[in-house]
Amino acid sequence: MNLPRKDVTHLRKEAPAGQKRFRYVVEVSAVAEDIMSRPVITVSPPDASLQDAVGLMLENQINSLAVVEDGDIRGGMLKRDDIIKEVAK
């Protein structure tokens, strides 16, 4: 992937009230299209269970699914980390 990049130098203190030093940072511009999988994998409740959704994530090696209703994204995104947080409660 060849993304535009910009070299940046930030002035930061190494410690509180310490001497300021430059820190080198590389910024890379990216848009969702650069990191999203294609085709977008979706799930359609109430037809699909959470178990079905997790199975799709594992099968496609992805961390989130678009939630669609009548062919439109209406339910947002179902994310692996959100599922883990709910299970952990």
PDB file of N, CA and C in Angstrom:
ATOM      1  N   MET A   1       0.848  -1.158   0.000  1.00  0.00           N
ATOM      2  CA  MET A   1       0.000   0.000   0.000  1.00  0.00           C
ATOM      3  C   MET A   1       0.902   1.231   0.000  1.00  0.00           C
ATOM      4  N   ASN A   2       0.720   2.111  -0.947  1.00  0.00           N
ATOM      5  CA  ASN A   2       1.550   3.288  -1.065  1.00  0.00           C
ATOM      6  C   ASN A   2       0.734   4.523  -0.686  1.00  0.00           C
ATOM      7  N   LEU A   3       0.828   4.944   0.582  1.00  0.00           N
ATOM      8  CA  LEU A   3       0.072   6.081   1.077  1.00  0.00           C
ATOM      9  C   LEU A   3       0.963   7.307   1.153  1.00  0.00           C
ATOM     10  N   PRO A   4       0.379   8.497   0.968  1.00  0.00           N
ATOM     11  CA  PRO A   4       1.185   9.707   1.133  1.00  0.00           C
ATOM     12  C   PRO A   4       1.654   9.821   2.581  1.00  0.00           C
ATOM     13  N   ARG A   5       2.853  10.316   2.795  1.00  0.00           N
ATOM     14  CA  ARG A   5       3.372  10.437   4.137  1.00  0.00           C
ATOM     15  C   ARG A   5       4.049  11.783   4.330  1.00  0.00           C
ATOM     16  N   LYS A   6       4.179  12.180   5.570  1.00  0.00           N
ATOM     17  CA  LYS A   6       4.792  13.456   5.907  1.00  0.00           C
ATOM     18  C   LYS A   6       5.649  13.243   7.144  1.00  0.00           C
ATOM     19  N   ASP A   7       6.894  13.667   7.077  1.00  0.00           N
ATOM     20  CA  ASP A   7       7.791  13.579   8.221  1.00  0.00           C
ATOM     21  C   ASP A   7       7.570  14.810   9.087  1.00  0.00           C
ATOM     22  N   VAL A   8       7.396  14.596  10.384  1.00  0.00           N
ATOM     23  CA  VAL A   8       7.093  15.681  11.311  1.00  0.00           C
ATOM     24  C   VAL A   8       8.030  15.576  12.503  1.00  0.00           C
ATOM     25  N   THR A   9       8.487  16.712  12.997  1.00  0.00           N
ATOM     26  CA  THR A   9       9.278  16.741  14.216  1.00  0.00           C
ATOM     27  C   THR A   9       8.499  17.526  15.255  1.00  0.00           C
ATOM     28  N   HIS A  10       8.242  16.917  16.417  1.00  0.00           N
ATOM     29  CA  HIS A  10       7.509  17.554  17.506  1.00  0.00           C
ATOM     30  C   HIS A  10       8.478  17.947  18.605  1.00  0.00           C
ATOM     31  N   LEU A  11       8.214  19.076  19.233  1.00  0.00           N
ATOM     32  CA  LEU A  11       8.999  19.503  20.376  1.00  0.00           C
ATOM     33  C   LEU A  11       8.299  19.007  21.634  1.00  0.00           C
ATOM     34  N   ARG A  12       8.944  18.134  22.400  1.00  0.00           N
ATOM     35  CA  ARG A  12       8.352  17.539  23.596  1.00  0.00           C
ATOM     36  C   ARG A  12       9.339  17.577  24.753  1.00  0.00           C
ATOM     37  N   LYS A  13       8.828  17.633  25.955  1.00  0.00           N
ATOM     38  CA  LYS A  13       9.664  17.512  27.149  1.00  0.00           C
ATOM     39  C   LYS A  13       9.815  16.029  27.465  1.00  0.00           C
ATOM     40  N   GLU A  14      11.036  15.619  27.823  1.00  0.00           N
ATOM     41  CA  GLU A  14      11.261  14.226  28.186  1.00  0.00           C
ATOM     42  C   GLU A  14      10.682  13.910  29.560  1.00  0.00           C
ATOM     43  N   ALA A  15      10.657  14.905  30.435  1.00  0.00           N
ATOM     44  CA  ALA A  15      10.121  14.735  31.783  1.00  0.00           C
ATOM     45  C   ALA A  15       9.458  16.045  32.185  1.00  0.00           C
ATOM     46  N   PRO A  16       8.528  16.006  33.125  1.00  0.00           N
ATOM     47  CA  PRO A  16       7.917  17.258  33.583  1.00  0.00           C
ATOM     48  C   PRO A  16       8.996  18.254  34.018  1.00  0.00           C
ATOM     49  N   ALA A  17       8.878  19.463  33.539  1.00  0.00           N
ATOM     50  CA  ALA A  17       9.822  20.549  33.827  1.00  0.00           C
ATOM     51  C   ALA A  17      11.229  20.245  33.318  1.00  0.00           C
ATOM     52  N   GLY A  18      11.345  19.272  32.449  1.00  0.00           N
ATOM     53  CA  GLY A  18      12.652  18.912  31.903  1.00  0.00           C
ATOM     54  C   GLY A  18      12.971  19.700  30.640  1.00  0.00           C
ATOM     55  N   GLN A  19      14.115  19.400  30.073  1.00  0.00           N
ATOM     56  CA  GLN A  19      14.561  20.068  28.863  1.00  0.00           C
ATOM     57  C   GLN A  19      13.742  19.572  27.668  1.00  0.00           C
ATOM     58  N   LYS A  20      13.374  20.497  26.786  1.00  0.00           N
ATOM     59  CA  LYS A  20      12.606  20.125  25.601  1.00  0.00           C
ATOM     60  C   LYS A  20      13.540  19.526  24.556  1.00  0.00           C
ATOM     61  N   ARG A  21      13.080  18.470  23.920  1.00  0.00           N
ATOM     62  CA  ARG A  21      13.837  17.823  22.844  1.00  0.00           C
ATOM     63  C   ARG A  21      12.897  17.532  21.693  1.00  0.00           C
ATOM     64  N   PHE A  22      13.460  17.424  20.506  1.00  0.00           N
ATOM     65  CA  PHE A  22      12.650  17.098  19.342  1.00  0.00           C
ATOM     66  C   PHE A  22      12.414  15.599  19.266  1.00  0.00           C
ATOM     67  N   ARG A  23      11.216  15.238  18.878  1.00  0.00           N
ATOM     68  CA  ARG A  23      10.854  13.834  18.702  1.00  0.00           C
ATOM     69  C   ARG A  23      10.409  13.674  17.259  1.00  0.00           C
ATOM     70  N   TYR A  24      10.949  12.699  16.561  1.00  0.00           N
ATOM     71  CA  TYR A  24      10.646  12.460  15.154  1.00  0.00           C
ATOM     72  C   TYR A  24       9.410  11.581  15.030  1.00  0.00           C
ATOM     73  N   VAL A  25       8.461  11.987  14.197  1.00  0.00           N
ATOM     74  CA  VAL A  25       7.215  11.258  13.995  1.00  0.00           C
ATOM     75  C   VAL A  25       6.940  11.182  12.494  1.00  0.00           C
ATOM     76  N   VAL A  26       6.428  10.059  12.035  1.00  0.00           N
ATOM     77  CA  VAL A  26       6.018   9.929  10.641  1.00  0.00           C
ATOM     78  C   VAL A  26       4.505   9.884  10.616  1.00  0.00           C
ATOM     79  N   GLU A  27       3.875  10.785   9.895  1.00  0.00           N
ATOM     80  CA  GLU A  27       2.428  10.790   9.740  1.00  0.00           C
ATOM     81  C   GLU A  27       2.083  10.176   8.397  1.00  0.00           C
ATOM     82  N   VAL A  28       1.100   9.300   8.389  1.00  0.00           N
ATOM     83  CA  VAL A  28       0.649   8.666   7.153  1.00  0.00           C
ATOM     84  C   VAL A  28      -0.837   8.933   7.014  1.00  0.00           C
ATOM     85  N   SER A  29      -1.230   9.461   5.873  1.00  0.00           N
ATOM     86  CA  SER A  29      -2.639   9.718   5.624  1.00  0.00           C
ATOM     87  C   SER A  29      -3.307   8.442   5.143  1.00  0.00           C
ATOM     88  N   ALA A  30      -4.489   8.172   5.647  1.00  0.00           N
ATOM     89  CA  ALA A  30      -5.236   6.994   5.216  1.00  0.00           C
ATOM     90  C   ALA A  30      -6.721   7.301   5.309  1.00  0.00           C
ATOM     91  N   VAL A  31      -7.475   6.660   4.462  1.00  0.00           N
ATOM     92  CA  VAL A  31      -8.927   6.748   4.514  1.00  0.00           C
ATOM     93  C   VAL A  31      -9.466   5.349   4.754  1.00  0.00           C
ATOM     94  N   ALA A  32     -10.733   5.253   5.123  1.00  0.00           N
ATOM     95  CA  ALA A  32     -11.329   3.957   5.447  1.00  0.00           C
ATOM     96  C   ALA A  32     -11.122   2.945   4.326  1.00  0.00           C
ATOM     97  N   GLU A  33     -11.215   3.388   3.089  1.00  0.00           N
ATOM     98  CA  GLU A  33     -11.068   2.492   1.944  1.00  0.00           C
ATOM     99  C   GLU A  33      -9.714   1.782   1.951  1.00  0.00           C
ATOM    100  N   ASP A  34      -8.682   2.429   2.499  1.00  0.00           N
ATOM    101  CA  ASP A  34      -7.343   1.843   2.515  1.00  0.00           C
ATOM    102  C   ASP A  34      -7.226   0.653   3.454  1.00  0.00           C
ATOM    103  N   ILE A  35      -8.081   0.597   4.487  1.00  0.00           N
ATOM    104  CA  ILE A  35      -7.923  -0.462   5.484  1.00  0.00           C
ATOM    105  C   ILE A  35      -9.120  -1.401   5.582  1.00  0.00           C
ATOM    106  N   MET A  36     -10.212  -1.076   4.905  1.00  0.00           N
ATOM    107  CA  MET A  36     -11.397  -1.936   4.975  1.00  0.00           C
ATOM    108  C   MET A  36     -11.290  -3.103   4.001  1.00  0.00           C
ATOM    109  N   SER A  37     -11.912  -4.212   4.370  1.00  0.00           N
ATOM    110  CA  SER A  37     -11.930  -5.366   3.482  1.00  0.00           C
ATOM    111  C   SER A  37     -13.031  -5.184   2.449  1.00  0.00           C
ATOM    112  N   ARG A  38     -12.849  -5.820   1.317  1.00  0.00           N
ATOM    113  CA  ARG A  38     -13.861  -5.798   0.260  1.00  0.00           C
ATOM    114  C   ARG A  38     -14.143  -7.224  -0.144  1.00  0.00           C
ATOM    115  N   PRO A  39     -15.337  -7.595  -0.374  1.00  0.00           N
ATOM    116  CA  PRO A  39     -16.546  -6.815  -0.151  1.00  0.00           C
ATOM    117  C   PRO A  39     -16.793  -6.644   1.346  1.00  0.00           C
ATOM    118  N   VAL A  40     -17.576  -5.647   1.692  1.00  0.00           N
ATOM    119  CA  VAL A  40     -17.913  -5.413   3.092  1.00  0.00           C
ATOM    120  C   VAL A  40     -18.786  -6.571   3.562  1.00  0.00           C
ATOM    121  N   ILE A  41     -18.389  -7.212   4.643  1.00  0.00           N
ATOM    122  CA  ILE A  41     -19.137  -8.329   5.199  1.00  0.00           C
ATOM    123  C   ILE A  41     -20.212  -7.752   6.118  1.00  0.00           C
ATOM    124  N   THR A  42     -21.440  -8.215   5.950  1.00  0.00           N
ATOM    125  CA  THR A  42     -22.553  -7.659   6.715  1.00  0.00           C
ATOM    126  C   THR A  42     -23.299  -8.755   7.471  1.00  0.00           C
ATOM    127  N   VAL A  43     -24.090  -8.309   8.427  1.00  0.00           N
ATOM    128  CA  VAL A  43     -24.965  -9.188   9.187  1.00  0.00           C
ATOM    129  C   VAL A  43     -26.331  -8.504   9.249  1.00  0.00           C
ATOM    130  N   SER A  44     -27.401  -9.306   9.182  1.00  0.00           N
ATOM    131  CA  SER A  44     -28.756  -8.749   9.161  1.00  0.00           C
ATOM    132  C   SER A  44     -29.608  -9.326  10.286  1.00  0.00           C
ATOM    133  N   PRO A  45     -29.677  -8.616  11.413  1.00  0.00           N
ATOM    134  CA  PRO A  45     -30.576  -9.084  12.464  1.00  0.00           C
ATOM    135  C   PRO A  45     -32.012  -8.803  12.068  1.00  0.00           C
ATOM    136  N   PRO A  46     -33.005  -9.458  12.537  1.00  0.00           N
ATOM    137  CA  PRO A  46     -32.926 -10.492  13.565  1.00  0.00           C
ATOM    138  C   PRO A  46     -32.636 -11.872  12.987  1.00  0.00           C
ATOM    139  N   ASP A  47     -32.389 -11.978  11.679  1.00  0.00           N
ATOM    140  CA  ASP A  47     -32.125 -13.285  11.062  1.00  0.00           C
ATOM    141  C   ASP A  47     -30.827 -13.916  11.560  1.00  0.00           C
ATOM    142  N   ALA A  48     -29.833 -13.098  11.869  1.00  0.00           N
ATOM    143  CA  ALA A  48     -28.530 -13.616  12.283  1.00  0.00           C
ATOM    144  C   ALA A  48     -28.366 -13.477  13.791  1.00  0.00           C
ATOM    145  N   SER A  49     -27.833 -14.512  14.397  1.00  0.00           N
ATOM    146  CA  SER A  49     -27.562 -14.472  15.842  1.00  0.00           C
ATOM    147  C   SER A  49     -26.161 -13.925  16.079  1.00  0.00           C
ATOM    148  N   LEU A  50     -25.855 -13.638  17.323  1.00  0.00           N
ATOM    149  CA  LEU A  50     -24.514 -13.199  17.674  1.00  0.00           C
ATOM    150  C   LEU A  50     -23.503 -14.284  17.331  1.00  0.00           C
ATOM    151  N   GLN A  51     -23.893 -15.533  17.530  1.00  0.00           N
ATOM    152  CA  GLN A  51     -23.021 -16.659  17.189  1.00  0.00           C
ATOM    153  C   GLN A  51     -22.719 -16.666  15.688  1.00  0.00           C
ATOM    154  N   ASP A  52     -23.725 -16.392  14.859  1.00  0.00           N
ATOM    155  CA  ASP A  52     -23.512 -16.301  13.412  1.00  0.00           C
ATOM    156  C   ASP A  52     -22.537 -15.169  13.078  1.00  0.00           C
ATOM    157  N   ALA A  53     -22.706 -14.018  13.752  1.00  0.00           N
ATOM    158  CA  ALA A  53     -21.849 -12.867  13.505  1.00  0.00           C
ATOM    159  C   ALA A  53     -20.394 -13.169  13.852  1.00  0.00           C
ATOM    160  N   VAL A  54     -20.177 -13.785  15.012  1.00  0.00           N
ATOM    161  CA  VAL A  54     -18.816 -14.145  15.420  1.00  0.00           C
ATOM    162  C   VAL A  54     -18.223 -15.152  14.435  1.00  0.00           C
ATOM    163  N   GLY A  55     -19.036 -16.098  13.979  1.00  0.00           N
ATOM    164  CA  GLY A  55     -18.571 -17.060  12.978  1.00  0.00           C
ATOM    165  C   GLY A  55     -18.128 -16.380  11.693  1.00  0.00           C
ATOM    166  N   LEU A  56     -18.883 -15.377  11.245  1.00  0.00           N
ATOM    167  CA  LEU A  56     -18.506 -14.627  10.041  1.00  0.00           C
ATOM    168  C   LEU A  56     -17.176 -13.894  10.244  1.00  0.00           C
ATOM    169  N   MET A  57     -17.002 -13.310  11.427  1.00  0.00           N
ATOM    170  CA  MET A  57     -15.745 -12.608  11.711  1.00  0.00           C
ATOM    171  C   MET A  57     -14.559 -13.563  11.666  1.00  0.00           C
ATOM    172  N   LEU A  58     -14.724 -14.720  12.290  1.00  0.00           N
ATOM    173  CA  LEU A  58     -13.639 -15.707  12.295  1.00  0.00           C
ATOM    174  C   LEU A  58     -13.363 -16.240  10.897  1.00  0.00           C
ATOM    175  N   GLU A  59     -14.417 -16.564  10.181  1.00  0.00           N
ATOM    176  CA  GLU A  59     -14.277 -17.115   8.827  1.00  0.00           C
ATOM    177  C   GLU A  59     -13.585 -16.145   7.884  1.00  0.00           C
ATOM    178  N   ASN A  60     -13.882 -14.850   8.026  1.00  0.00           N
ATOM    179  CA  ASN A  60     -13.337 -13.841   7.117  1.00  0.00           C
ATOM    180  C   ASN A  60     -12.136 -13.098   7.690  1.00  0.00           C
ATOM    181  N   GLN A  61     -11.705 -13.491   8.899  1.00  0.00           N
ATOM    182  CA  GLN A  61     -10.560 -12.886   9.571  1.00  0.00           C
ATOM    183  C   GLN A  61     -10.697 -11.362   9.643  1.00  0.00           C
ATOM    184  N   ILE A  62     -11.864 -10.915  10.143  1.00  0.00           N
ATOM    185  CA  ILE A  62     -12.145  -9.492  10.296  1.00  0.00           C
ATOM    186  C   ILE A  62     -12.573  -9.216  11.730  1.00  0.00           C
ATOM    187  N   ASN A  63     -12.576  -7.955  12.126  1.00  0.00           N
ATOM    188  CA  ASN A  63     -12.895  -7.585  13.505  1.00  0.00           C
ATOM    189  C   ASN A  63     -14.218  -6.855  13.655  1.00  0.00           C
ATOM    190  N   SER A  64     -14.916  -6.594  12.551  1.00  0.00           N
ATOM    191  CA  SER A  64     -16.197  -5.904  12.649  1.00  0.00           C
ATOM    192  C   SER A  64     -17.073  -6.244  11.449  1.00  0.00           C
ATOM    193  N   LEU A  65     -18.368  -6.075  11.654  1.00  0.00           N
ATOM    194  CA  LEU A  65     -19.357  -6.328  10.608  1.00  0.00           C
ATOM    195  C   LEU A  65     -20.290  -5.131  10.522  1.00  0.00           C
ATOM    196  N   ALA A  66     -20.698  -4.794   9.310  1.00  0.00           N
ATOM    197  CA  ALA A  66     -21.724  -3.770   9.143  1.00  0.00           C
ATOM    198  C   ALA A  66     -23.076  -4.425   9.401  1.00  0.00           C
ATOM    199  N   VAL A  67     -23.911  -3.765  10.186  1.00  0.00           N
ATOM    200  CA  VAL A  67     -25.248  -4.274  10.486  1.00  0.00           C
ATOM    201  C   VAL A  67     -26.221  -3.621   9.506  1.00  0.00           C
ATOM    202  N   VAL A  68     -26.842  -4.455   8.661  1.00  0.00           N
ATOM    203  CA  VAL A  68     -27.734  -3.926   7.629  1.00  0.00           C
ATOM    204  C   VAL A  68     -29.172  -4.344   7.878  1.00  0.00           C
ATOM    205  N   GLU A  69     -30.066  -3.493   7.412  1.00  0.00           N
ATOM    206  CA  GLU A  69     -31.495  -3.762   7.501  1.00  0.00           C
ATOM    207  C   GLU A  69     -32.105  -3.321   6.187  1.00  0.00           C
ATOM    208  N   ASP A  70     -32.775  -4.218   5.497  1.00  0.00           N
ATOM    209  CA  ASP A  70     -33.367  -3.936   4.190  1.00  0.00           C
ATOM    210  C   ASP A  70     -32.338  -3.395   3.202  1.00  0.00           C
ATOM    211  N   GLY A  71     -31.115  -3.929   3.259  1.00  0.00           N
ATOM    212  CA  GLY A  71     -30.073  -3.549   2.313  1.00  0.00           C
ATOM    213  C   GLY A  71     -29.331  -2.267   2.641  1.00  0.00           C
ATOM    214  N   ASP A  72     -29.713  -1.568   3.707  1.00  0.00           N
ATOM    215  CA  ASP A  72     -29.048  -0.322   4.106  1.00  0.00           C
ATOM    216  C   ASP A  72     -28.364  -0.506   5.453  1.00  0.00           C
ATOM    217  N   ILE A  73     -27.211   0.134   5.624  1.00  0.00           N
ATOM    218  CA  ILE A  73     -26.528   0.089   6.919  1.00  0.00           C
ATOM    219  C   ILE A  73     -27.333   0.959   7.870  1.00  0.00           C
ATOM    220  N   ARG A  74     -27.995   0.308   8.818  1.00  0.00           N
ATOM    221  CA  ARG A  74     -28.857   1.032   9.758  1.00  0.00           C
ATOM    222  C   ARG A  74     -28.489   0.753  11.199  1.00  0.00           C
ATOM    223  N   GLY A  75     -27.847  -0.349  11.432  1.00  0.00           N
ATOM    224  CA  GLY A  75     -27.545  -0.720  12.808  1.00  0.00           C
ATOM    225  C   GLY A  75     -26.138  -0.379  13.227  1.00  0.00           C
ATOM    226  N   GLY A  76     -25.362   0.280  12.357  1.00  0.00           N
ATOM    227  CA  GLY A  76     -23.989   0.618  12.705  1.00  0.00           C
ATOM    228  C   GLY A  76     -23.042  -0.541  12.479  1.00  0.00           C
ATOM    229  N   MET A  77     -22.030  -0.621  13.324  1.00  0.00           N
ATOM    230  CA  MET A  77     -21.013  -1.650  13.201  1.00  0.00           C
ATOM    231  C   MET A  77     -21.015  -2.527  14.453  1.00  0.00           C
ATOM    232  N   LEU A  78     -20.898  -3.812  14.240  1.00  0.00           N
ATOM    233  CA  LEU A  78     -20.749  -4.770  15.330  1.00  0.00           C
ATOM    234  C   LEU A  78     -19.262  -5.091  15.400  1.00  0.00           C
ATOM    235  N   LYS A  79     -18.624  -4.739  16.521  1.00  0.00           N
ATOM    236  CA  LYS A  79     -17.175  -4.876  16.651  1.00  0.00           C
ATOM    237  C   LYS A  79     -16.812  -5.974  17.629  1.00  0.00           C
ATOM    238  N   ARG A  80     -15.729  -6.670  17.322  1.00  0.00           N
ATOM    239  CA  ARG A  80     -15.237  -7.756  18.174  1.00  0.00           C
ATOM    240  C   ARG A  80     -14.976  -7.274  19.593  1.00  0.00           C
ATOM    241  N   ASP A  81     -14.346  -6.104  19.743  1.00  0.00           N
ATOM    242  CA  ASP A  81     -14.037  -5.596  21.073  1.00  0.00           C
ATOM    243  C   ASP A  81     -15.300  -5.316  21.876  1.00  0.00           C
ATOM    244  N   ASP A  82     -16.355  -4.848  21.218  1.00  0.00           N
ATOM    245  CA  ASP A  82     -17.628  -4.606  21.919  1.00  0.00           C
ATOM    246  C   ASP A  82     -18.238  -5.910  22.403  1.00  0.00           C
ATOM    247  N   ILE A  83     -18.132  -6.951  21.592  1.00  0.00           N
ATOM    248  CA  ILE A  83     -18.660  -8.272  21.984  1.00  0.00           C
ATOM    249  C   ILE A  83     -17.886  -8.781  23.203  1.00  0.00           C
ATOM    250  N   ILE A  84     -16.573  -8.650  23.162  1.00  0.00           N
ATOM    251  CA  ILE A  84     -15.733  -9.114  24.282  1.00  0.00           C
ATOM    252  C   ILE A  84     -16.094  -8.372  25.564  1.00  0.00           C
ATOM    253  N   LYS A  85     -16.298  -7.056  25.477  1.00  0.00           N
ATOM    254  CA  LYS A  85     -16.656  -6.262  26.660  1.00  0.00           C
ATOM    255  C   LYS A  85     -17.995  -6.727  27.254  1.00  0.00           C
ATOM    256  N   GLU A  86     -18.962  -7.014  26.397  1.00  0.00           N
ATOM    257  CA  GLU A  86     -20.278  -7.477  26.887  1.00  0.00           C
ATOM    258  C   GLU A  86     -20.187  -8.843  27.524  1.00  0.00           C
ATOM    259  N   VAL A  87     -19.419  -9.737  26.926  1.00  0.00           N
ATOM    260  CA  VAL A  87     -19.259 -11.087  27.468  1.00  0.00           C
ATOM    261  C   VAL A  87     -18.542 -11.026  28.816  1.00  0.00           C
ATOM    262  N   ALA A  88     -17.602 -10.102  28.961  1.00  0.00           N
ATOM    263  CA  ALA A  88     -16.817  -9.994  30.184  1.00  0.00           C
ATOM    264  C   ALA A  88     -17.615  -9.440  31.362  1.00  0.00           C
ATOM    265  N   LYS A  89     -18.740  -8.779  31.109  1.00  0.00           N
ATOM    266  CA  LYS A  89     -19.534  -8.172  32.203  1.00  0.00           C
ATOM    267  C   LYS A  89     -20.109  -9.197  33.150  1.00  0.00           C
TER     268      LYS A  89
END
